[in-house]
Amino acid sequence: MTVSDWLKARSVELGASLCTAAVLVGGLAVGVPFLVDRIPEVFLYSFCCVAAVIVRAVIDLAVRATVLAARGTRPATAPAAIRLEPANA
């Protein structure tokens, strides 16, 4: 996955979570009865929607960086074998 593909996917997720949060908070502003009865839960859910996308992106980046770093470190090559026998005797 390229960087631009990754950014597009995360921006779609972030946009969806922000839209969900906006609908919930907008429902509170309009006065939807079952949302008004649960004001703290609505704000908590709105915050969690957005925070979950951000946390997932951070974890994904951390895992990708770790894998990239692990692939970049290679064991040192072994030295050439030393022959202990005399060359033409």
Protein backbone atom coordinates (compact mmCIF):
# COMPACT_ATOMS: atom_id res chain seq x y z
CA MET A 1 0.00 0.00 0.00
CA THR A 2 1.44 3.33 -1.01
CA VAL A 3 1.49 6.39 1.21
CA SER A 4 -1.23 8.12 -0.81
CA ASP A 5 -3.46 5.02 -0.64
CA TRP A 6 -2.93 4.85 3.11
CA LEU A 7 -3.76 8.54 3.51
CA LYS A 8 -6.90 8.19 1.39
CA ALA A 9 -8.11 5.25 3.48
CA ARG A 10 -7.47 7.04 6.77
CA SER A 11 -9.12 10.23 5.51
CA VAL A 12 -12.24 8.28 4.54
CA GLU A 13 -12.35 6.70 8.00
CA LEU A 14 -11.80 10.06 9.68
CA GLY A 15 -14.47 11.69 7.53
CA ALA A 16 -16.98 8.98 8.40
CA SER A 17 -16.28 9.29 12.11
CA LEU A 18 -16.53 13.09 11.99
CA CYS A 19 -19.82 12.79 10.10
CA THR A 20 -21.18 10.40 12.73
CA ALA A 21 -20.12 12.75 15.52
CA ALA A 22 -21.68 15.71 13.69
CA VAL A 23 -24.98 13.87 13.25
CA LEU A 24 -25.09 12.99 16.95
CA VAL A 25 -24.22 16.48 18.17
CA GLY A 26 -26.57 17.96 15.56
CA GLY A 27 -29.31 15.72 16.90
CA LEU A 28 -28.68 17.17 20.34
CA ALA A 29 -28.85 20.71 18.96
CA VAL A 30 -32.15 20.01 17.22
CA GLY A 31 -33.54 18.39 20.34
CA VAL A 32 -34.06 14.74 19.36
CA PRO A 33 -35.69 13.29 22.49
CA PHE A 34 -33.77 10.02 22.84
CA LEU A 35 -30.46 11.88 22.35
CA VAL A 36 -31.32 14.68 24.76
CA ASP A 37 -32.04 12.07 27.44
CA ARG A 38 -28.49 10.75 27.04
CA ILE A 39 -26.35 13.86 26.59
CA PRO A 40 -23.16 12.53 28.26
CA GLU A 41 -23.29 9.30 26.28
CA VAL A 42 -23.75 11.17 23.00
CA PHE A 43 -20.68 13.33 23.61
CA LEU A 44 -18.66 10.33 24.78
CA TYR A 45 -19.62 8.30 21.72
CA SER A 46 -18.84 11.23 19.42
CA PHE A 47 -15.41 11.62 21.00
CA CYS A 48 -14.74 7.88 20.86
CA CYS A 49 -15.66 7.69 17.16
CA VAL A 50 -13.02 10.24 16.24
CA ALA A 51 -10.44 9.07 18.78
CA ALA A 52 -10.67 5.45 17.62
CA VAL A 53 -9.75 6.43 14.06
CA ILE A 54 -6.79 8.49 15.26
CA VAL A 55 -5.54 5.74 17.61
CA ARG A 56 -5.87 3.13 14.85
CA ALA A 57 -3.84 5.31 12.47
CA VAL A 58 -1.11 5.80 15.09
CA ILE A 59 -0.94 2.07 15.82
CA ASP A 60 -0.88 1.27 12.11
CA LEU A 61 1.98 3.71 11.54
CA ALA A 62 3.90 2.30 14.50
CA VAL A 63 3.57 -1.27 13.23
CA ARG A 64 4.57 -0.24 9.70
CA ALA A 65 7.61 1.64 11.02
CA THR A 66 8.64 -1.36 13.13
CA VAL A 67 8.34 -3.74 10.18
CA LEU A 68 10.26 -1.35 7.96
CA ALA A 69 13.01 -1.02 10.57
CA ALA A 70 13.16 -4.79 11.05
CA ARG A 71 13.53 -5.34 7.31
CA GLY A 72 16.25 -2.70 7.15
CA THR A 73 18.48 -4.38 9.72
CA ARG A 74 20.17 -7.41 8.31
CA PRO A 75 22.67 -9.65 10.05
CA ALA A 76 26.30 -9.05 9.21
CA THR A 77 27.74 -11.33 6.56
CA ALA A 78 30.04 -14.06 7.78
CA PRO A 79 33.75 -13.59 7.04
CA ALA A 80 35.31 -15.74 4.37
CA ALA A 81 36.42 -19.17 5.54
CA ILE A 82 40.06 -19.45 6.54
CA ARG A 83 41.85 -22.52 5.27
CA LEU A 84 44.26 -24.05 7.72
CA GLU A 85 45.82 -26.43 5.20
CA PRO A 86 49.03 -25.51 3.49
CA ALA A 87 48.60 -24.26 -0.08
CA ASN A 88 50.62 -26.50 -2.51
CA ALA A 89 53.10 -28.49 -0.50
